[in-house]
């Protein structure tokens, strides 16, 4: 497994995050969300999941959406469909601040955010993919916020396999540490979720631009 510190543009501030997206097309921000906020959002995710609000994730969109567990086997809940809660409001506020800052600096024209909570039960994974649909190019910037506990170890699996150098080169492997935010251009970077060995939690979102 390639060392994270040698392979990844790690950032610690909004300014560094914007610069890394501009220069590299992606960034990894450990500690984006505080430990307390991470634990609160994780607890809410697990509670809503236990109440049966989640559904099996599909592949594709609209009429082409299909359940294909050989490709992905996580369970998701779109935040717009989730029961209202202050931790979700806080997430939206932070994402909106990020969107506005990136737009001011990079002129990406990010308009809105679609996002879902994701639960990967042990054994679940998501095969290699891009985050932009073939017939819809509105998704521009992907943001993945990890909600896993601080004792998450490499042996727990669930790493983000990320083809930072291109789809034909070896990927790097990013441990999904709680509070970490991964940001990357949706149409450029192939990525996958390796099989989890314990329940893995995240919030995945896509900033979209306006349709032309």
C-alpha atoms as a PDB file:
ATOM      1  CA  UNK A   1       0.000   0.000   0.000  1.00  0.00           C
ATOM      2  CA  UNK A   2       1.496   3.330  -1.050  1.00  0.00           C
ATOM      3  CA  UNK A   3       2.227   5.698   1.867  1.00  0.00           C
ATOM      4  CA  UNK A   4      -0.516   8.277   2.141  1.00  0.00           C
ATOM      5  CA  UNK A   5       1.805  11.146   3.050  1.00  0.00           C
ATOM      6  CA  UNK A   6       3.905  10.634  -0.106  1.00  0.00           C
ATOM      7  CA  UNK A   7       1.024  10.252  -2.515  1.00  0.00           C
ATOM      8  CA  UNK A   8      -1.624  12.728  -1.484  1.00  0.00           C
ATOM      9  CA  UNK A   9      -2.028  16.530  -1.579  1.00  0.00           C
ATOM     10  CA  UNK A  10      -2.991  16.845   2.082  1.00  0.00           C
ATOM     11  CA  UNK A  11      -4.383  20.217   3.138  1.00  0.00           C
ATOM     12  CA  UNK A  12      -5.246  21.829   6.447  1.00  0.00           C
ATOM     13  CA  UNK A  13      -7.169  24.951   5.427  1.00  0.00           C
ATOM     14  CA  UNK A  14      -9.717  26.226   2.952  1.00  0.00           C
ATOM     15  CA  UNK A  15      -7.080  28.208   1.075  1.00  0.00           C
ATOM     16  CA  UNK A  16      -4.864  25.148   0.716  1.00  0.00           C
ATOM     17  CA  UNK A  17      -7.838  23.066  -0.404  1.00  0.00           C
ATOM     18  CA  UNK A  18      -8.703  25.533  -3.158  1.00  0.00           C
ATOM     19  CA  UNK A  19      -5.078  25.758  -4.279  1.00  0.00           C
ATOM     20  CA  UNK A  20      -4.782  21.971  -4.412  1.00  0.00           C
ATOM     21  CA  UNK A  21      -7.960  21.586  -6.470  1.00  0.00           C
ATOM     22  CA  UNK A  22      -6.635  24.272  -8.841  1.00  0.00           C
ATOM     23  CA  UNK A  23      -3.182  22.694  -9.132  1.00  0.00           C
ATOM     24  CA  UNK A  24      -3.906  18.964  -8.785  1.00  0.00           C
ATOM     25  CA  UNK A  25      -7.625  18.540  -9.411  1.00  0.00           C
ATOM     26  CA  UNK A  26      -8.105  17.069  -5.949  1.00  0.00           C
ATOM     27  CA  UNK A  27      -7.287  17.426  -2.270  1.00  0.00           C
ATOM     28  CA  UNK A  28      -7.557  15.496   0.979  1.00  0.00           C
ATOM     29  CA  UNK A  29      -8.405  17.481   4.115  1.00  0.00           C
ATOM     30  CA  UNK A  30      -7.919  15.525   7.372  1.00  0.00           C
ATOM     31  CA  UNK A  31      -9.747  17.156  10.244  1.00  0.00           C
ATOM     32  CA  UNK A  32     -12.181  19.048   8.041  1.00  0.00           C
ATOM     33  CA  UNK A  33     -14.903  18.055  10.509  1.00  0.00           C
ATOM     34  CA  UNK A  34     -14.186  18.108  14.247  1.00  0.00           C
ATOM     35  CA  UNK A  35     -14.205  14.870  16.228  1.00  0.00           C
ATOM     36  CA  UNK A  36     -17.388  15.891  18.053  1.00  0.00           C
ATOM     37  CA  UNK A  37     -19.221  16.862  14.862  1.00  0.00           C
ATOM     38  CA  UNK A  38     -18.045  13.679  13.161  1.00  0.00           C
ATOM     39  CA  UNK A  39     -19.337  11.543  16.029  1.00  0.00           C
ATOM     40  CA  UNK A  40     -22.695  13.373  16.037  1.00  0.00           C
ATOM     41  CA  UNK A  41     -23.206  12.946  12.302  1.00  0.00           C
ATOM     42  CA  UNK A  42     -22.133   9.301  12.491  1.00  0.00           C
ATOM     43  CA  UNK A  43     -24.545   8.613  15.359  1.00  0.00           C
ATOM     44  CA  UNK A  44     -27.398  10.210  13.449  1.00  0.00           C
ATOM     45  CA  UNK A  45     -26.532   8.214  10.330  1.00  0.00           C
ATOM     46  CA  UNK A  46     -26.586   4.940  12.257  1.00  0.00           C
ATOM     47  CA  UNK A  47     -29.853   5.847  14.009  1.00  0.00           C
ATOM     48  CA  UNK A  48     -31.624   6.696  10.760  1.00  0.00           C
ATOM     49  CA  UNK A  49     -30.214   3.550   9.173  1.00  0.00           C
ATOM     50  CA  UNK A  50     -31.518   1.447  12.074  1.00  0.00           C
ATOM     51  CA  UNK A  51     -34.958   3.016  11.579  1.00  0.00           C
ATOM     52  CA  UNK A  52     -35.067   1.596   8.048  1.00  0.00           C
ATOM     53  CA  UNK A  53     -34.787   4.807   6.016  1.00  0.00           C
ATOM     54  CA  UNK A  54     -31.880   3.636   3.851  1.00  0.00           C
ATOM     55  CA  UNK A  55     -32.154   1.689   0.597  1.00  0.00           C
ATOM     56  CA  UNK A  56     -29.769  -0.354  -1.511  1.00  0.00           C
ATOM     57  CA  UNK A  57     -27.670   1.827  -3.772  1.00  0.00           C
ATOM     58  CA  UNK A  58     -28.079   1.556  -7.519  1.00  0.00           C
ATOM     59  CA  UNK A  59     -25.946   2.144 -10.591  1.00  0.00           C
ATOM     60  CA  UNK A  60     -26.977   4.625 -13.282  1.00  0.00           C
ATOM     61  CA  UNK A  61     -29.684   7.253 -13.145  1.00  0.00           C
ATOM     62  CA  UNK A  62     -33.386   7.826 -13.813  1.00  0.00           C
ATOM     63  CA  UNK A  63     -34.836   5.025 -15.974  1.00  0.00           C
ATOM     64  CA  UNK A  64     -31.458   3.332 -16.211  1.00  0.00           C
ATOM     65  CA  UNK A  65     -31.007   2.960 -12.467  1.00  0.00           C
ATOM     66  CA  UNK A  66     -30.383  -0.659 -11.487  1.00  0.00           C
ATOM     67  CA  UNK A  67     -29.326  -2.596  -8.396  1.00  0.00           C
ATOM     68  CA  UNK A  68     -26.082  -4.401  -9.261  1.00  0.00           C
ATOM     69  CA  UNK A  69     -24.474  -5.729  -6.114  1.00  0.00           C
ATOM     70  CA  UNK A  70     -21.512  -7.000  -8.093  1.00  0.00           C
ATOM     71  CA  UNK A  71     -20.619  -3.348  -8.730  1.00  0.00           C
ATOM     72  CA  UNK A  72     -21.750  -1.655  -5.537  1.00  0.00           C
ATOM     73  CA  UNK A  73     -23.314  -2.983  -2.352  1.00  0.00           C
ATOM     74  CA  UNK A  74     -23.643   0.022  -0.062  1.00  0.00           C
ATOM     75  CA  UNK A  75     -26.877   1.447   1.328  1.00  0.00           C
ATOM     76  CA  UNK A  76     -27.743   5.116   0.921  1.00  0.00           C
ATOM     77  CA  UNK A  77     -30.187   7.830   1.932  1.00  0.00           C
ATOM     78  CA  UNK A  78     -30.406  11.078   0.005  1.00  0.00           C
ATOM     79  CA  UNK A  79     -30.089  13.911   2.489  1.00  0.00           C
ATOM     80  CA  UNK A  80     -33.067  15.718   0.978  1.00  0.00           C
ATOM     81  CA  UNK A  81     -35.160  12.636   1.861  1.00  0.00           C
ATOM     82  CA  UNK A  82     -33.772  12.251   5.373  1.00  0.00           C
ATOM     83  CA  UNK A  83     -35.677  13.301   8.497  1.00  0.00           C
ATOM     84  CA  UNK A  84     -34.642  16.879   9.418  1.00  0.00           C
ATOM     85  CA  UNK A  85     -31.883  17.161  11.990  1.00  0.00           C
ATOM     86  CA  UNK A  86     -29.430  19.893  13.083  1.00  0.00           C
ATOM     87  CA  UNK A  87     -26.375  17.790  12.153  1.00  0.00           C
ATOM     88  CA  UNK A  88     -27.590  17.660   8.553  1.00  0.00           C
ATOM     89  CA  UNK A  89     -28.188  21.409   8.565  1.00  0.00           C
ATOM     90  CA  UNK A  90     -24.632  21.898   9.801  1.00  0.00           C
ATOM     91  CA  UNK A  91     -23.292  19.699   7.001  1.00  0.00           C
ATOM     92  CA  UNK A  92     -25.227  21.696   4.406  1.00  0.00           C
ATOM     93  CA  UNK A  93     -23.907  24.974   5.828  1.00  0.00           C
ATOM     94  CA  UNK A  94     -20.297  23.774   5.665  1.00  0.00           C
ATOM     95  CA  UNK A  95     -20.703  22.510   2.123  1.00  0.00           C
ATOM     96  CA  UNK A  96     -22.298  25.772   1.042  1.00  0.00           C
ATOM     97  CA  UNK A  97     -19.376  27.729   2.485  1.00  0.00           C
ATOM     98  CA  UNK A  98     -16.990  25.467   0.587  1.00  0.00           C
ATOM     99  CA  UNK A  99     -18.975  25.882  -2.638  1.00  0.00           C
ATOM    100  CA  UNK A 100     -19.012  29.659  -2.396  1.00  0.00           C
ATOM    101  CA  UNK A 101     -15.283  29.860  -1.658  1.00  0.00           C
ATOM    102  CA  UNK A 102     -14.375  27.575  -4.567  1.00  0.00           C
ATOM    103  CA  UNK A 103     -16.599  29.543  -6.923  1.00  0.00           C
ATOM    104  CA  UNK A 104     -14.986  32.838  -5.899  1.00  0.00           C
ATOM    105  CA  UNK A 105     -11.498  31.467  -6.466  1.00  0.00           C
ATOM    106  CA  UNK A 106     -11.872  29.047  -9.383  1.00  0.00           C
ATOM    107  CA  UNK A 107     -15.017  30.215 -11.214  1.00  0.00           C
ATOM    108  CA  UNK A 108     -16.362  26.678 -11.519  1.00  0.00           C
ATOM    109  CA  UNK A 109     -19.970  27.851 -11.503  1.00  0.00           C
ATOM    110  CA  UNK A 110     -20.998  25.377  -8.817  1.00  0.00           C
ATOM    111  CA  UNK A 111     -24.721  25.842  -8.339  1.00  0.00           C
ATOM    112  CA  UNK A 112     -26.073  23.237  -5.949  1.00  0.00           C
ATOM    113  CA  UNK A 113     -25.235  20.065  -4.053  1.00  0.00           C
ATOM    114  CA  UNK A 114     -26.781  16.621  -4.216  1.00  0.00           C
ATOM    115  CA  UNK A 115     -25.595  14.326  -1.465  1.00  0.00           C
ATOM    116  CA  UNK A 116     -26.406  11.143   0.395  1.00  0.00           C
ATOM    117  CA  UNK A 117     -25.459   9.346   3.558  1.00  0.00           C
ATOM    118  CA  UNK A 118     -23.800   6.013   2.843  1.00  0.00           C
ATOM    119  CA  UNK A 119     -23.468   2.892   4.975  1.00  0.00           C
ATOM    120  CA  UNK A 120     -21.173   0.081   3.874  1.00  0.00           C
ATOM    121  CA  UNK A 121     -21.951  -3.027   5.939  1.00  0.00           C
ATOM    122  CA  UNK A 122     -19.061  -5.477   6.379  1.00  0.00           C
ATOM    123  CA  UNK A 123     -18.219  -7.071   3.037  1.00  0.00           C
ATOM    124  CA  UNK A 124     -19.662  -4.293   0.905  1.00  0.00           C
ATOM    125  CA  UNK A 125     -17.705  -2.339  -1.693  1.00  0.00           C
ATOM    126  CA  UNK A 126     -18.000  -0.181  -4.828  1.00  0.00           C
ATOM    127  CA  UNK A 127     -16.104  -1.040  -8.000  1.00  0.00           C
ATOM    128  CA  UNK A 128     -14.087   1.469 -10.045  1.00  0.00           C
ATOM    129  CA  UNK A 129     -16.125   4.303 -11.531  1.00  0.00           C
ATOM    130  CA  UNK A 130     -16.310   7.970 -12.443  1.00  0.00           C
ATOM    131  CA  UNK A 131     -18.824  10.282 -10.785  1.00  0.00           C
ATOM    132  CA  UNK A 132     -20.155  11.850 -13.978  1.00  0.00           C
ATOM    133  CA  UNK A 133     -22.939  10.213 -15.979  1.00  0.00           C
ATOM    134  CA  UNK A 134     -22.506   9.649 -19.706  1.00  0.00           C
ATOM    135  CA  UNK A 135     -25.685  11.584 -20.508  1.00  0.00           C
ATOM    136  CA  UNK A 136     -25.387  14.271 -17.816  1.00  0.00           C
ATOM    137  CA  UNK A 137     -22.269  16.391 -17.306  1.00  0.00           C
ATOM    138  CA  UNK A 138     -23.565  18.621 -14.490  1.00  0.00           C
ATOM    139  CA  UNK A 139     -21.645  16.933 -11.667  1.00  0.00           C
ATOM    140  CA  UNK A 140     -18.434  18.913 -11.388  1.00  0.00           C
ATOM    141  CA  UNK A 141     -16.788  18.443  -7.990  1.00  0.00           C
ATOM    142  CA  UNK A 142     -17.110  15.416  -5.701  1.00  0.00           C
ATOM    143  CA  UNK A 143     -16.902  15.799  -1.921  1.00  0.00           C
ATOM    144  CA  UNK A 144     -16.677  12.711   0.317  1.00  0.00           C
ATOM    145  CA  UNK A 145     -16.758  13.192   4.083  1.00  0.00           C
ATOM    146  CA  UNK A 146     -15.803  10.171   6.194  1.00  0.00           C
ATOM    147  CA  UNK A 147     -17.607   9.484   9.474  1.00  0.00           C
ATOM    148  CA  UNK A 148     -15.721   6.471  10.765  1.00  0.00           C
ATOM    149  CA  UNK A 149     -14.557   6.198  14.409  1.00  0.00           C
ATOM    150  CA  UNK A 150     -11.041   7.364  15.367  1.00  0.00           C
ATOM    151  CA  UNK A 151      -9.849   3.806  15.972  1.00  0.00           C
ATOM    152  CA  UNK A 152     -10.346   2.827  12.291  1.00  0.00           C
ATOM    153  CA  UNK A 153      -7.351   0.729  11.199  1.00  0.00           C
ATOM    154  CA  UNK A 154      -6.003  -0.336   7.810  1.00  0.00           C
ATOM    155  CA  UNK A 155      -7.187  -3.868   8.557  1.00  0.00           C
ATOM    156  CA  UNK A 156     -10.763  -2.544   8.750  1.00  0.00           C
ATOM    157  CA  UNK A 157     -10.697  -2.029   4.975  1.00  0.00           C
ATOM    158  CA  UNK A 158     -13.021   0.343   3.177  1.00  0.00           C
ATOM    159  CA  UNK A 159     -10.160   2.383   1.701  1.00  0.00           C
ATOM    160  CA  UNK A 160     -10.737   4.770  -1.156  1.00  0.00           C
ATOM    161  CA  UNK A 161      -8.784   3.388  -4.092  1.00  0.00           C
ATOM    162  CA  UNK A 162      -7.932   6.484  -6.124  1.00  0.00           C
ATOM    163  CA  UNK A 163      -6.312   6.650  -9.560  1.00  0.00           C
ATOM    164  CA  UNK A 164      -4.565   9.971  -8.959  1.00  0.00           C
ATOM    165  CA  UNK A 165      -2.154   9.545 -11.874  1.00  0.00           C
ATOM    166  CA  UNK A 166      -4.697   8.302 -14.392  1.00  0.00           C
ATOM    167  CA  UNK A 167      -6.708   5.127 -15.007  1.00  0.00           C
ATOM    168  CA  UNK A 168      -3.729   3.209 -16.438  1.00  0.00           C
ATOM    169  CA  UNK A 169      -1.408   3.787 -13.480  1.00  0.00           C
ATOM    170  CA  UNK A 170      -1.376   2.196 -10.048  1.00  0.00           C
ATOM    171  CA  UNK A 171      -3.945   3.702  -7.641  1.00  0.00           C
ATOM    172  CA  UNK A 172      -3.230   5.026  -4.190  1.00  0.00           C
ATOM    173  CA  UNK A 173      -5.171   3.830  -1.146  1.00  0.00           C
ATOM    174  CA  UNK A 174      -6.693   6.339   1.255  1.00  0.00           C
ATOM    175  CA  UNK A 175      -7.841   5.262   4.703  1.00  0.00           C
ATOM    176  CA  UNK A 176     -11.354   6.623   5.384  1.00  0.00           C
ATOM    177  CA  UNK A 177     -10.454   8.373   8.634  1.00  0.00           C
ATOM    178  CA  UNK A 178     -13.322  10.122  10.397  1.00  0.00           C
ATOM    179  CA  UNK A 179     -13.567  13.854   9.763  1.00  0.00           C
ATOM    180  CA  UNK A 180     -11.518  13.676   6.549  1.00  0.00           C
ATOM    181  CA  UNK A 181     -12.876  15.334   3.399  1.00  0.00           C
ATOM    182  CA  UNK A 182     -11.830  14.135  -0.055  1.00  0.00           C
ATOM    183  CA  UNK A 183     -12.441  16.646  -2.865  1.00  0.00           C
ATOM    184  CA  UNK A 184     -11.881  15.892  -6.551  1.00  0.00           C
ATOM    185  CA  UNK A 185     -13.059  16.745 -10.054  1.00  0.00           C
ATOM    186  CA  UNK A 186     -15.948  14.409 -10.808  1.00  0.00           C
ATOM    187  CA  UNK A 187     -15.123  13.735 -14.457  1.00  0.00           C
ATOM    188  CA  UNK A 188     -11.386  13.176 -14.068  1.00  0.00           C
ATOM    189  CA  UNK A 189     -10.636  10.677 -11.338  1.00  0.00           C
ATOM    190  CA  UNK A 190     -11.514   7.010 -11.333  1.00  0.00           C
ATOM    191  CA  UNK A 191     -12.008   5.654  -7.843  1.00  0.00           C
ATOM    192  CA  UNK A 192     -13.399   2.681  -5.925  1.00  0.00           C
ATOM    193  CA  UNK A 193     -14.267   1.659  -2.381  1.00  0.00           C
ATOM    194  CA  UNK A 194     -12.429  -1.429  -1.207  1.00  0.00           C
ATOM    195  CA  UNK A 195     -14.392  -4.050   0.765  1.00  0.00           C
ATOM    196  CA  UNK A 196     -15.114  -2.930   4.318  1.00  0.00           C
ATOM    197  CA  UNK A 197     -14.535  -5.297   7.229  1.00  0.00           C
ATOM    198  CA  UNK A 198     -16.567  -3.212   9.677  1.00  0.00           C
ATOM    199  CA  UNK A 199     -19.449  -0.821   9.106  1.00  0.00           C
ATOM    200  CA  UNK A 200     -18.126   2.134   7.093  1.00  0.00           C
ATOM    201  CA  UNK A 201     -19.884   5.513   7.076  1.00  0.00           C
ATOM    202  CA  UNK A 202     -19.608   8.548   4.818  1.00  0.00           C
ATOM    203  CA  UNK A 203     -21.474  11.441   3.269  1.00  0.00           C
ATOM    204  CA  UNK A 204     -20.926  11.703  -0.469  1.00  0.00           C
ATOM    205  CA  UNK A 205     -21.888  14.812  -2.381  1.00  0.00           C
ATOM    206  CA  UNK A 206     -21.566  16.291  -5.843  1.00  0.00           C
ATOM    207  CA  UNK A 207     -21.466  19.994  -6.557  1.00  0.00           C
ATOM    208  CA  UNK A 208     -23.243  20.586  -9.843  1.00  0.00           C
ATOM    209  CA  UNK A 209     -23.078  23.439 -12.302  1.00  0.00           C
ATOM    210  CA  UNK A 210     -26.127  24.956 -13.934  1.00  0.00           C
ATOM    211  CA  UNK A 211     -27.367  23.331 -17.152  1.00  0.00           C
ATOM    212  CA  UNK A 212     -26.507  25.334 -20.246  1.00  0.00           C
END
